[in-house]
Amino acid sequence: MDEVLAVLAHTADGVYAVDAAQRIVFWNGAAERIMGYRAEEVLGRACHEVFRGEPRPGCLECLPECPVMLAAQRHEPVPTYNVLSRTKGGETILLNVSVVVPPRPTGVYTAIHLFRDATHQLRYETFVDQIVCAAARLPQPQTTLPRTLPGLAPGQAPLSAREKEVLYLLVQGRAARDIADTLCISYATVRNHLQAILRKLGVRSQREAIKVALEQRLV
């Protein structure tokens, strides 16, 4: 296993290995470049304290009760996953992580993690959100033909996938800032989505939007 880590020390991916207590016992140069931490700053620390994975749809949170480590301790394969983390400098970074689980106990190494910067995916999703919000603010085209859509009253327009997520959380009683934190988007973006939802449902308040959503089973 030491020979394997010696090879991984020079890969472009960040690499770190942990022991059974989730303490980092190996940290390569690419990991330092991506995260900003030197090896001496992380060795011996719990991996969830270093990566601090934050809640985000489609991402794994970093917690002491880590499902990845539970699988590794049972020597089970672990699917590739994403983690929304922060660098040493406090910058948000999306990491795509692969895990190598030794087929049998090999000294202190319980699992080896290879990770790469996937922040471009996060930026792309944010850019798409901005385009959708901008499109939602455009004037609706006039039509002389009556249209009806399943689940919607006459005069209502269909909601986008993101607007449905916002509406679902609104129905759950979540405030705009809480919705922004849950979906990892800005408060301003949530406000834009809410305005689009009100317009598309033909209502004037969030309370009316919740009533329509429940009556017509939109969420």
Protein backbone atom coordinates (compact mmCIF):
# COMPACT_ATOMS: atom_id res chain seq x y z
CA MET A 1 0.00 0.00 0.00
CA ASP A 2 2.90 2.36 0.68
CA GLU A 3 4.08 1.74 -2.90
CA VAL A 4 0.61 2.68 -4.20
CA LEU A 5 0.58 5.91 -2.20
CA ALA A 6 4.07 6.71 -3.45
CA VAL A 7 2.68 6.61 -7.00
CA LEU A 8 -0.43 8.60 -6.07
CA ALA A 9 1.75 11.26 -4.46
CA HIS A 10 2.52 12.55 -7.96
CA THR A 11 -0.95 12.42 -9.55
CA ALA A 12 -2.89 15.50 -10.67
CA ASP A 13 -5.78 14.48 -8.40
CA GLY A 14 -5.71 15.39 -4.76
CA VAL A 15 -5.16 12.27 -2.67
CA TYR A 16 -5.57 11.65 1.03
CA ALA A 17 -5.79 8.45 3.05
CA VAL A 18 -7.52 7.95 6.38
CA ASP A 19 -7.29 5.41 9.17
CA ALA A 20 -10.16 3.65 10.93
CA ALA A 21 -10.75 6.72 13.12
CA GLN A 22 -11.14 8.92 10.00
CA ARG A 23 -7.84 10.68 10.73
CA ILE A 24 -5.87 11.83 7.70
CA VAL A 25 -2.61 9.87 7.45
CA PHE A 26 -1.56 10.81 3.88
CA TRP A 27 -1.88 14.07 1.91
CA ASN A 28 -0.28 14.64 -1.48
CA GLY A 29 0.91 17.80 -3.23
CA ALA A 30 -2.18 18.10 -5.44
CA ALA A 31 -4.39 18.03 -2.32
CA GLU A 32 -2.37 20.95 -0.97
CA ARG A 33 -2.75 22.83 -4.25
CA ILE A 34 -6.53 22.27 -4.44
CA MET A 35 -7.43 22.84 -0.78
CA GLY A 36 -4.63 25.17 0.32
CA TYR A 37 -3.64 23.09 3.36
CA ARG A 38 -0.09 21.81 3.80
CA ALA A 39 0.34 18.21 4.88
CA GLU A 40 1.48 19.18 8.38
CA GLU A 41 -1.76 21.14 8.83
CA VAL A 42 -4.06 18.18 8.18
CA LEU A 43 -2.21 15.00 9.18
CA GLY A 44 -3.82 13.53 12.28
CA ARG A 45 -7.02 15.58 11.87
CA ALA A 46 -10.44 14.07 11.14
CA CYS A 47 -11.23 14.40 7.45
CA HIS A 48 -14.68 15.91 8.10
CA GLU A 49 -13.02 18.75 10.03
CA VAL A 50 -10.82 19.60 7.03
CA PHE A 51 -13.36 19.28 4.22
CA ARG A 52 -16.44 20.48 6.13
CA GLY A 53 -18.84 19.24 3.48
CA GLU A 54 -21.87 21.55 3.39
CA PRO A 55 -25.50 20.60 2.66
CA ARG A 56 -26.38 20.77 -1.04
CA PRO A 57 -28.69 18.65 -3.20
CA GLY A 58 -26.63 15.88 -4.78
CA CYS A 59 -23.70 16.32 -2.39
CA LEU A 60 -22.52 14.28 0.57
CA GLU A 61 -22.18 16.06 3.90
CA CYS A 62 -19.00 15.52 5.91
CA LEU A 63 -20.05 14.15 9.29
CA PRO A 64 -18.42 12.00 11.99
CA GLU A 65 -20.90 9.22 11.09
CA CYS A 66 -19.63 9.05 7.51
CA PRO A 67 -21.40 6.50 5.26
CA VAL A 68 -18.27 6.32 3.09
CA MET A 69 -16.17 5.22 6.07
CA LEU A 70 -18.81 2.73 7.16
CA ALA A 71 -18.69 1.15 3.70
CA ALA A 72 -14.87 1.22 3.69
CA GLN A 73 -14.69 -0.51 7.06
CA ARG A 74 -16.88 -3.27 5.63
CA HIS A 75 -14.57 -3.35 2.56
CA GLU A 76 -17.45 -2.46 0.23
CA PRO A 77 -17.05 -0.44 -3.00
CA VAL A 78 -17.97 3.24 -2.70
CA PRO A 79 -19.59 5.12 -5.64
CA THR A 80 -18.06 8.42 -6.75
CA TYR A 81 -19.70 11.38 -4.99
CA ASN A 82 -19.58 15.20 -4.75
CA VAL A 83 -18.76 17.34 -1.71
CA LEU A 84 -19.37 21.08 -1.39
CA SER A 85 -16.35 22.20 0.62
CA ARG A 86 -14.29 25.29 1.40
CA THR A 87 -10.59 25.85 0.86
CA LYS A 88 -8.27 27.05 3.58
CA GLY A 89 -8.84 30.58 2.24
CA GLY A 90 -12.61 30.20 2.65
CA GLU A 91 -13.49 29.86 -1.05
CA THR A 92 -16.39 27.56 -1.94
CA ILE A 93 -15.23 24.57 -3.96
CA LEU A 94 -17.12 21.59 -5.38
CA LEU A 95 -15.09 18.38 -5.17
CA ASN A 96 -15.70 15.17 -7.09
CA VAL A 97 -14.39 12.29 -4.98
CA SER A 98 -13.48 8.68 -5.78
CA VAL A 99 -12.63 6.19 -3.04
CA VAL A 100 -10.27 3.20 -3.15
CA VAL A 101 -10.98 0.64 -0.43
CA PRO A 102 -8.15 -1.85 0.25
CA PRO A 103 -9.41 -5.43 -0.21
CA ARG A 104 -8.09 -6.32 3.24
CA PRO A 105 -6.79 -4.38 6.28
CA THR A 106 -3.47 -2.77 5.33
CA GLY A 107 -1.94 -1.18 8.37
CA VAL A 108 -3.29 2.29 9.09
CA TYR A 109 -4.98 2.81 5.73
CA THR A 110 -8.75 2.23 5.76
CA ALA A 111 -9.65 4.24 2.65
CA ILE A 112 -7.86 6.30 0.01
CA HIS A 113 -9.71 9.30 -1.44
CA LEU A 114 -8.88 10.83 -4.83
CA PHE A 115 -10.55 14.19 -5.47
CA ARG A 116 -10.62 16.85 -8.15
CA ASP A 117 -11.95 20.41 -8.47
CA ALA A 118 -15.42 20.32 -10.08
CA THR A 119 -16.35 23.93 -9.27
CA HIS A 120 -16.99 24.54 -12.97
CA GLN A 121 -20.11 22.36 -12.57
CA LEU A 122 -21.30 24.58 -9.72
CA ARG A 123 -20.69 27.71 -11.80
CA TYR A 124 -22.53 26.16 -14.73
CA GLU A 125 -25.58 25.37 -12.57
CA THR A 126 -25.55 28.90 -11.16
CA PHE A 127 -25.31 30.32 -14.69
CA VAL A 128 -28.28 28.19 -15.80
CA ASP A 129 -30.27 29.44 -12.80
CA GLN A 130 -29.51 33.02 -13.80
CA ILE A 131 -30.65 32.38 -17.37
CA VAL A 132 -33.87 30.75 -16.17
CA CYS A 133 -34.56 33.66 -13.82
CA ALA A 134 -33.90 36.19 -16.57
CA ALA A 135 -36.19 34.31 -18.94
CA ALA A 136 -38.91 34.20 -16.29
CA ARG A 137 -38.87 38.01 -16.12
CA LEU A 138 -39.46 38.39 -19.86
CA PRO A 139 -42.99 39.45 -20.92
CA GLN A 140 -45.17 36.47 -21.75
CA PRO A 141 -46.10 36.26 -25.44
CA GLN A 142 -49.70 37.06 -26.23
CA THR A 143 -51.79 34.37 -27.82
CA THR A 144 -55.29 34.35 -29.29
CA LEU A 145 -55.76 30.61 -28.74
CA PRO A 146 -56.97 29.35 -25.34
CA ARG A 147 -54.55 26.94 -23.69
CA THR A 148 -55.02 24.63 -20.74
CA LEU A 149 -52.32 22.53 -19.10
CA PRO A 150 -52.75 19.45 -16.85
CA GLY A 151 -52.80 20.47 -13.18
CA LEU A 152 -52.98 24.18 -13.97
CA ALA A 153 -55.93 26.50 -14.10
CA PRO A 154 -56.59 28.50 -17.29
CA GLY A 155 -54.20 31.44 -17.50
CA GLN A 156 -51.48 29.76 -15.45
CA ALA A 157 -48.06 28.97 -16.91
CA PRO A 158 -45.99 25.84 -16.15
CA LEU A 159 -43.28 26.10 -13.50
CA SER A 160 -39.66 25.23 -14.16
CA ALA A 161 -37.99 22.43 -12.20
CA ARG A 162 -36.20 24.95 -9.99
CA GLU A 163 -39.41 26.93 -9.41
CA LYS A 164 -41.10 23.70 -8.30
CA GLU A 165 -38.27 23.14 -5.79
CA VAL A 166 -38.70 26.67 -4.44
CA LEU A 167 -42.48 26.26 -4.29
CA TYR A 168 -42.15 22.92 -2.48
CA LEU A 169 -39.93 24.48 0.20
CA LEU A 170 -42.28 27.46 0.44
CA VAL A 171 -45.18 25.09 1.10
CA GLN A 172 -43.05 23.49 3.83
CA GLY A 173 -42.98 26.88 5.58
CA ARG A 174 -39.41 27.78 4.67
CA ALA A 175 -38.40 31.44 4.46
CA ALA A 176 -36.64 32.84 1.38
CA ARG A 177 -33.19 32.92 2.99
CA ASP A 178 -33.64 29.36 4.26
CA ILE A 179 -34.63 28.27 0.76
CA ALA A 180 -31.51 29.96 -0.62
CA ASP A 181 -29.29 28.09 1.86
CA THR A 182 -31.01 24.76 1.15
CA LEU A 183 -30.66 25.06 -2.63
CA CYS A 184 -27.22 26.72 -2.48
CA ILE A 185 -28.37 29.71 -4.51
CA SER A 186 -28.41 33.40 -3.68
CA TYR A 187 -31.20 35.15 -1.80
CA ALA A 188 -31.78 37.38 -4.84
CA THR A 189 -32.22 34.31 -7.05
CA VAL A 190 -34.84 32.91 -4.66
CA ARG A 191 -36.71 36.23 -4.73
CA ASN A 192 -36.69 36.14 -8.54
CA HIS A 193 -38.06 32.58 -8.49
CA LEU A 194 -40.81 33.58 -6.05
CA GLN A 195 -41.84 36.51 -8.24
CA ALA A 196 -41.97 34.21 -11.28
CA ILE A 197 -44.05 31.67 -9.33
CA LEU A 198 -46.59 34.31 -8.29
CA ARG A 199 -46.88 35.57 -11.85
CA LYS A 200 -47.22 32.09 -13.36
CA LEU A 201 -49.85 31.01 -10.84
CA GLY A 202 -51.75 34.27 -11.26
CA VAL A 203 -51.65 35.16 -7.54
CA ARG A 204 -50.49 38.20 -5.59
CA SER A 205 -49.00 36.71 -2.42
CA GLN A 206 -46.97 33.75 -1.26
CA ARG A 207 -49.91 32.63 0.89
CA GLU A 208 -52.12 32.48 -2.21
CA ALA A 209 -49.36 30.59 -4.04
CA ILE A 210 -49.25 27.99 -1.25
CA LYS A 211 -53.04 27.62 -1.39
CA VAL A 212 -52.98 27.08 -5.17
CA ALA A 213 -50.08 24.62 -4.88
CA LEU A 214 -51.96 22.52 -2.35
CA GLU A 215 -55.34 22.70 -4.11
CA GLN A 216 -53.91 21.78 -7.50
CA ARG A 217 -51.25 19.40 -6.13
CA LEU A 218 -48.42 21.19 -7.91
CA VAL A 219 -45.82 19.91 -5.44
